[in-house]
């Protein structure tokens, strides 16, 4: 499994591919024009930002802090 450091230096398209193929899907949320999918990799999380209007993956965000999971909690 890829490390957080190695993941962050990859090109955006490779980051998205790794998150979707090696990560475990957790949940999704909506943010502006994006559907943001959350994946759990071994020691970090990755968000994949999908723009449905353009049918493209716009970017990814990786993080280790569990406080960043707050937007996925439905209260």
N, C-alpha and C. Protein backbone atom coordinates (compact mmCIF):
# COMPACT_ATOMS: atom_id res chain seq x y z
N UNK A 1 0.85 -1.18 0.00
CA UNK A 1 0.00 0.00 0.00
C UNK A 1 0.90 1.23 0.00
N UNK A 2 0.49 2.24 -0.72
CA UNK A 2 1.27 3.46 -0.87
C UNK A 2 1.27 4.28 0.42
N UNK A 3 2.36 4.98 0.67
CA UNK A 3 2.45 5.84 1.85
C UNK A 3 1.82 7.20 1.54
N UNK A 4 1.50 7.92 2.59
CA UNK A 4 0.93 9.26 2.46
C UNK A 4 1.89 10.17 1.69
N UNK A 5 3.16 10.09 2.01
CA UNK A 5 4.17 10.94 1.37
C UNK A 5 4.29 10.63 -0.12
N UNK A 6 4.35 9.35 -0.47
CA UNK A 6 4.47 8.96 -1.87
C UNK A 6 3.21 9.32 -2.65
N UNK A 7 2.06 9.16 -2.02
CA UNK A 7 0.79 9.51 -2.67
C UNK A 7 0.77 10.99 -3.05
N UNK A 8 1.21 11.84 -2.14
CA UNK A 8 1.12 13.28 -2.36
C UNK A 8 2.02 13.81 -3.47
N UNK A 9 3.03 13.06 -3.87
CA UNK A 9 3.90 13.55 -4.94
C UNK A 9 3.49 13.05 -6.33
N UNK A 10 2.46 12.22 -6.37
CA UNK A 10 1.98 11.69 -7.66
C UNK A 10 1.19 12.73 -8.43
N UNK A 11 1.10 12.58 -9.75
CA UNK A 11 0.21 13.43 -10.54
C UNK A 11 -1.25 13.17 -10.14
N UNK A 12 -2.10 14.15 -10.35
CA UNK A 12 -3.50 14.10 -9.91
C UNK A 12 -4.24 12.88 -10.44
N UNK A 13 -4.03 12.51 -11.70
CA UNK A 13 -4.76 11.38 -12.26
C UNK A 13 -4.35 10.06 -11.60
N UNK A 14 -3.08 9.94 -11.24
CA UNK A 14 -2.62 8.72 -10.56
C UNK A 14 -3.15 8.67 -9.13
N UNK A 15 -3.23 9.83 -8.46
CA UNK A 15 -3.79 9.87 -7.11
C UNK A 15 -5.23 9.37 -7.12
N UNK A 16 -6.02 9.86 -8.05
CA UNK A 16 -7.42 9.45 -8.13
C UNK A 16 -7.53 7.96 -8.41
N UNK A 17 -6.73 7.45 -9.32
CA UNK A 17 -6.78 6.03 -9.67
C UNK A 17 -6.40 5.16 -8.47
N UNK A 18 -5.39 5.54 -7.74
CA UNK A 18 -4.98 4.77 -6.57
C UNK A 18 -6.06 4.80 -5.50
N UNK A 19 -6.62 5.97 -5.25
CA UNK A 19 -7.67 6.07 -4.23
C UNK A 19 -8.84 5.15 -4.58
N UNK A 20 -9.25 5.15 -5.84
CA UNK A 20 -10.43 4.39 -6.25
C UNK A 20 -10.17 2.89 -6.39
N UNK A 21 -8.93 2.49 -6.65
CA UNK A 21 -8.65 1.06 -6.83
C UNK A 21 -8.04 0.41 -5.60
N UNK A 22 -7.26 1.15 -4.82
CA UNK A 22 -6.60 0.57 -3.65
C UNK A 22 -7.27 0.96 -2.34
N UNK A 23 -8.06 2.02 -2.38
CA UNK A 23 -8.72 2.49 -1.17
C UNK A 23 -10.07 1.84 -0.96
N UNK A 24 -10.56 1.95 0.25
CA UNK A 24 -11.90 1.49 0.59
C UNK A 24 -12.83 2.69 0.57
N UNK A 25 -13.89 2.60 -0.24
CA UNK A 25 -14.85 3.69 -0.31
C UNK A 25 -15.53 3.84 1.05
N UNK A 26 -15.62 5.09 1.53
CA UNK A 26 -16.23 5.36 2.83
C UNK A 26 -17.58 6.03 2.66
N UNK A 27 -17.61 7.14 1.93
CA UNK A 27 -18.84 7.92 1.80
C UNK A 27 -18.62 8.98 0.73
N UNK A 28 -19.68 9.73 0.44
CA UNK A 28 -19.53 10.87 -0.44
C UNK A 28 -20.35 12.02 0.11
N UNK A 29 -20.02 13.20 -0.38
CA UNK A 29 -20.73 14.42 0.00
C UNK A 29 -20.70 15.35 -1.20
N UNK A 30 -21.49 16.41 -1.13
CA UNK A 30 -21.50 17.40 -2.20
C UNK A 30 -20.91 18.70 -1.70
N UNK A 31 -20.09 19.31 -2.54
CA UNK A 31 -19.47 20.59 -2.23
C UNK A 31 -19.47 21.42 -3.52
N UNK A 32 -20.30 22.46 -3.53
CA UNK A 32 -20.47 23.27 -4.73
C UNK A 32 -20.80 22.37 -5.92
N UNK A 33 -20.03 22.44 -6.99
CA UNK A 33 -20.33 21.63 -8.18
C UNK A 33 -19.72 20.23 -8.13
N UNK A 34 -19.10 19.87 -7.02
CA UNK A 34 -18.40 18.60 -6.92
C UNK A 34 -19.15 17.56 -6.10
N UNK A 35 -19.02 16.32 -6.52
CA UNK A 35 -19.37 15.18 -5.69
C UNK A 35 -18.04 14.68 -5.17
N UNK A 36 -17.87 14.71 -3.87
CA UNK A 36 -16.59 14.38 -3.26
C UNK A 36 -16.69 12.99 -2.65
N UNK A 37 -15.90 12.06 -3.17
CA UNK A 37 -15.87 10.70 -2.66
C UNK A 37 -14.70 10.54 -1.71
N UNK A 38 -14.96 9.91 -0.58
CA UNK A 38 -13.93 9.68 0.43
C UNK A 38 -13.50 8.22 0.41
N UNK A 39 -12.18 8.02 0.35
CA UNK A 39 -11.60 6.68 0.37
C UNK A 39 -10.61 6.59 1.52
N UNK A 40 -10.58 5.43 2.15
CA UNK A 40 -9.61 5.18 3.21
C UNK A 40 -8.51 4.28 2.66
N UNK A 41 -7.30 4.80 2.72
CA UNK A 41 -6.15 3.99 2.39
C UNK A 41 -5.54 3.56 3.73
N UNK A 42 -4.43 2.92 3.71
CA UNK A 42 -3.91 2.31 4.94
C UNK A 42 -3.77 3.28 6.11
N UNK A 43 -3.07 4.38 5.92
CA UNK A 43 -2.82 5.30 7.03
C UNK A 43 -3.29 6.72 6.74
N UNK A 44 -4.14 6.87 5.76
CA UNK A 44 -4.66 8.20 5.44
C UNK A 44 -5.95 8.08 4.65
N UNK A 45 -6.58 9.22 4.45
CA UNK A 45 -7.81 9.32 3.66
C UNK A 45 -7.54 10.14 2.41
N UNK A 46 -8.29 9.86 1.37
CA UNK A 46 -8.18 10.64 0.13
C UNK A 46 -9.59 11.01 -0.34
N UNK A 47 -9.75 12.27 -0.71
CA UNK A 47 -10.99 12.74 -1.30
C UNK A 47 -10.77 12.92 -2.79
N UNK A 48 -11.72 12.44 -3.58
CA UNK A 48 -11.67 12.59 -5.03
C UNK A 48 -12.84 13.49 -5.42
N UNK A 49 -12.52 14.63 -6.04
CA UNK A 49 -13.51 15.64 -6.42
C UNK A 49 -13.94 15.42 -7.87
N UNK A 50 -15.18 15.00 -8.03
CA UNK A 50 -15.74 14.70 -9.35
C UNK A 50 -16.69 15.81 -9.76
N UNK A 51 -16.48 16.38 -10.95
CA UNK A 51 -17.34 17.42 -11.50
C UNK A 51 -18.28 16.77 -12.50
N UNK A 52 -19.54 16.60 -12.11
CA UNK A 52 -20.49 15.89 -12.98
C UNK A 52 -20.86 16.70 -14.22
N UNK A 53 -20.83 18.00 -14.14
CA UNK A 53 -21.16 18.83 -15.31
C UNK A 53 -20.13 18.63 -16.42
N UNK A 54 -18.87 18.46 -16.05
CA UNK A 54 -17.81 18.25 -17.03
C UNK A 54 -17.42 16.78 -17.19
N UNK A 55 -17.98 15.94 -16.31
CA UNK A 55 -17.66 14.51 -16.30
C UNK A 55 -16.15 14.28 -16.17
N UNK A 56 -15.56 15.00 -15.20
CA UNK A 56 -14.12 14.89 -14.97
C UNK A 56 -13.82 14.83 -13.48
N UNK A 57 -12.70 14.24 -13.18
CA UNK A 57 -12.17 14.33 -11.83
C UNK A 57 -11.30 15.57 -11.80
N UNK A 58 -11.65 16.50 -10.94
CA UNK A 58 -10.98 17.79 -10.90
C UNK A 58 -9.68 17.74 -10.09
N UNK A 59 -9.75 17.18 -8.89
CA UNK A 59 -8.55 17.09 -8.06
C UNK A 59 -8.79 16.12 -6.91
N UNK A 60 -7.74 15.89 -6.14
CA UNK A 60 -7.82 15.04 -4.96
C UNK A 60 -7.21 15.78 -3.77
N UNK A 61 -7.60 15.36 -2.60
CA UNK A 61 -7.03 15.89 -1.35
C UNK A 61 -6.75 14.69 -0.46
N UNK A 62 -5.57 14.61 0.12
CA UNK A 62 -5.24 13.55 1.06
C UNK A 62 -5.01 14.17 2.43
N UNK A 63 -5.39 13.42 3.47
CA UNK A 63 -5.20 13.92 4.83
C UNK A 63 -5.10 12.77 5.81
N UNK A 64 -4.55 13.08 6.97
CA UNK A 64 -4.41 12.09 8.04
C UNK A 64 -5.22 12.45 9.27
N UNK A 65 -5.63 13.68 9.40
CA UNK A 65 -6.35 14.14 10.58
C UNK A 65 -7.81 13.72 10.54
N UNK A 66 -8.27 13.07 11.60
CA UNK A 66 -9.66 12.64 11.63
C UNK A 66 -10.63 13.82 11.73
N UNK A 67 -10.13 14.99 12.12
CA UNK A 67 -11.01 16.16 12.18
C UNK A 67 -11.53 16.53 10.78
N UNK A 68 -10.80 16.13 9.75
CA UNK A 68 -11.24 16.40 8.37
C UNK A 68 -12.40 15.51 7.93
N UNK A 69 -12.79 14.55 8.78
CA UNK A 69 -13.92 13.69 8.47
C UNK A 69 -15.25 14.32 8.85
N UNK A 70 -15.22 15.44 9.54
CA UNK A 70 -16.44 16.09 10.03
C UNK A 70 -17.50 16.33 8.94
N UNK A 71 -17.13 16.76 7.73
CA UNK A 71 -18.17 16.98 6.71
C UNK A 71 -18.94 15.72 6.31
N UNK A 72 -18.44 14.56 6.68
CA UNK A 72 -19.10 13.30 6.30
C UNK A 72 -20.05 12.79 7.38
N UNK A 73 -20.08 13.48 8.50
CA UNK A 73 -20.96 13.08 9.61
C UNK A 73 -22.30 13.76 9.43
N UNK A 74 -23.33 12.98 9.25
CA UNK A 74 -24.69 13.52 9.07
C UNK A 74 -25.36 13.60 10.43
N UNK A 75 -25.56 14.81 10.90
CA UNK A 75 -26.21 14.99 12.20
C UNK A 75 -27.69 15.27 12.02
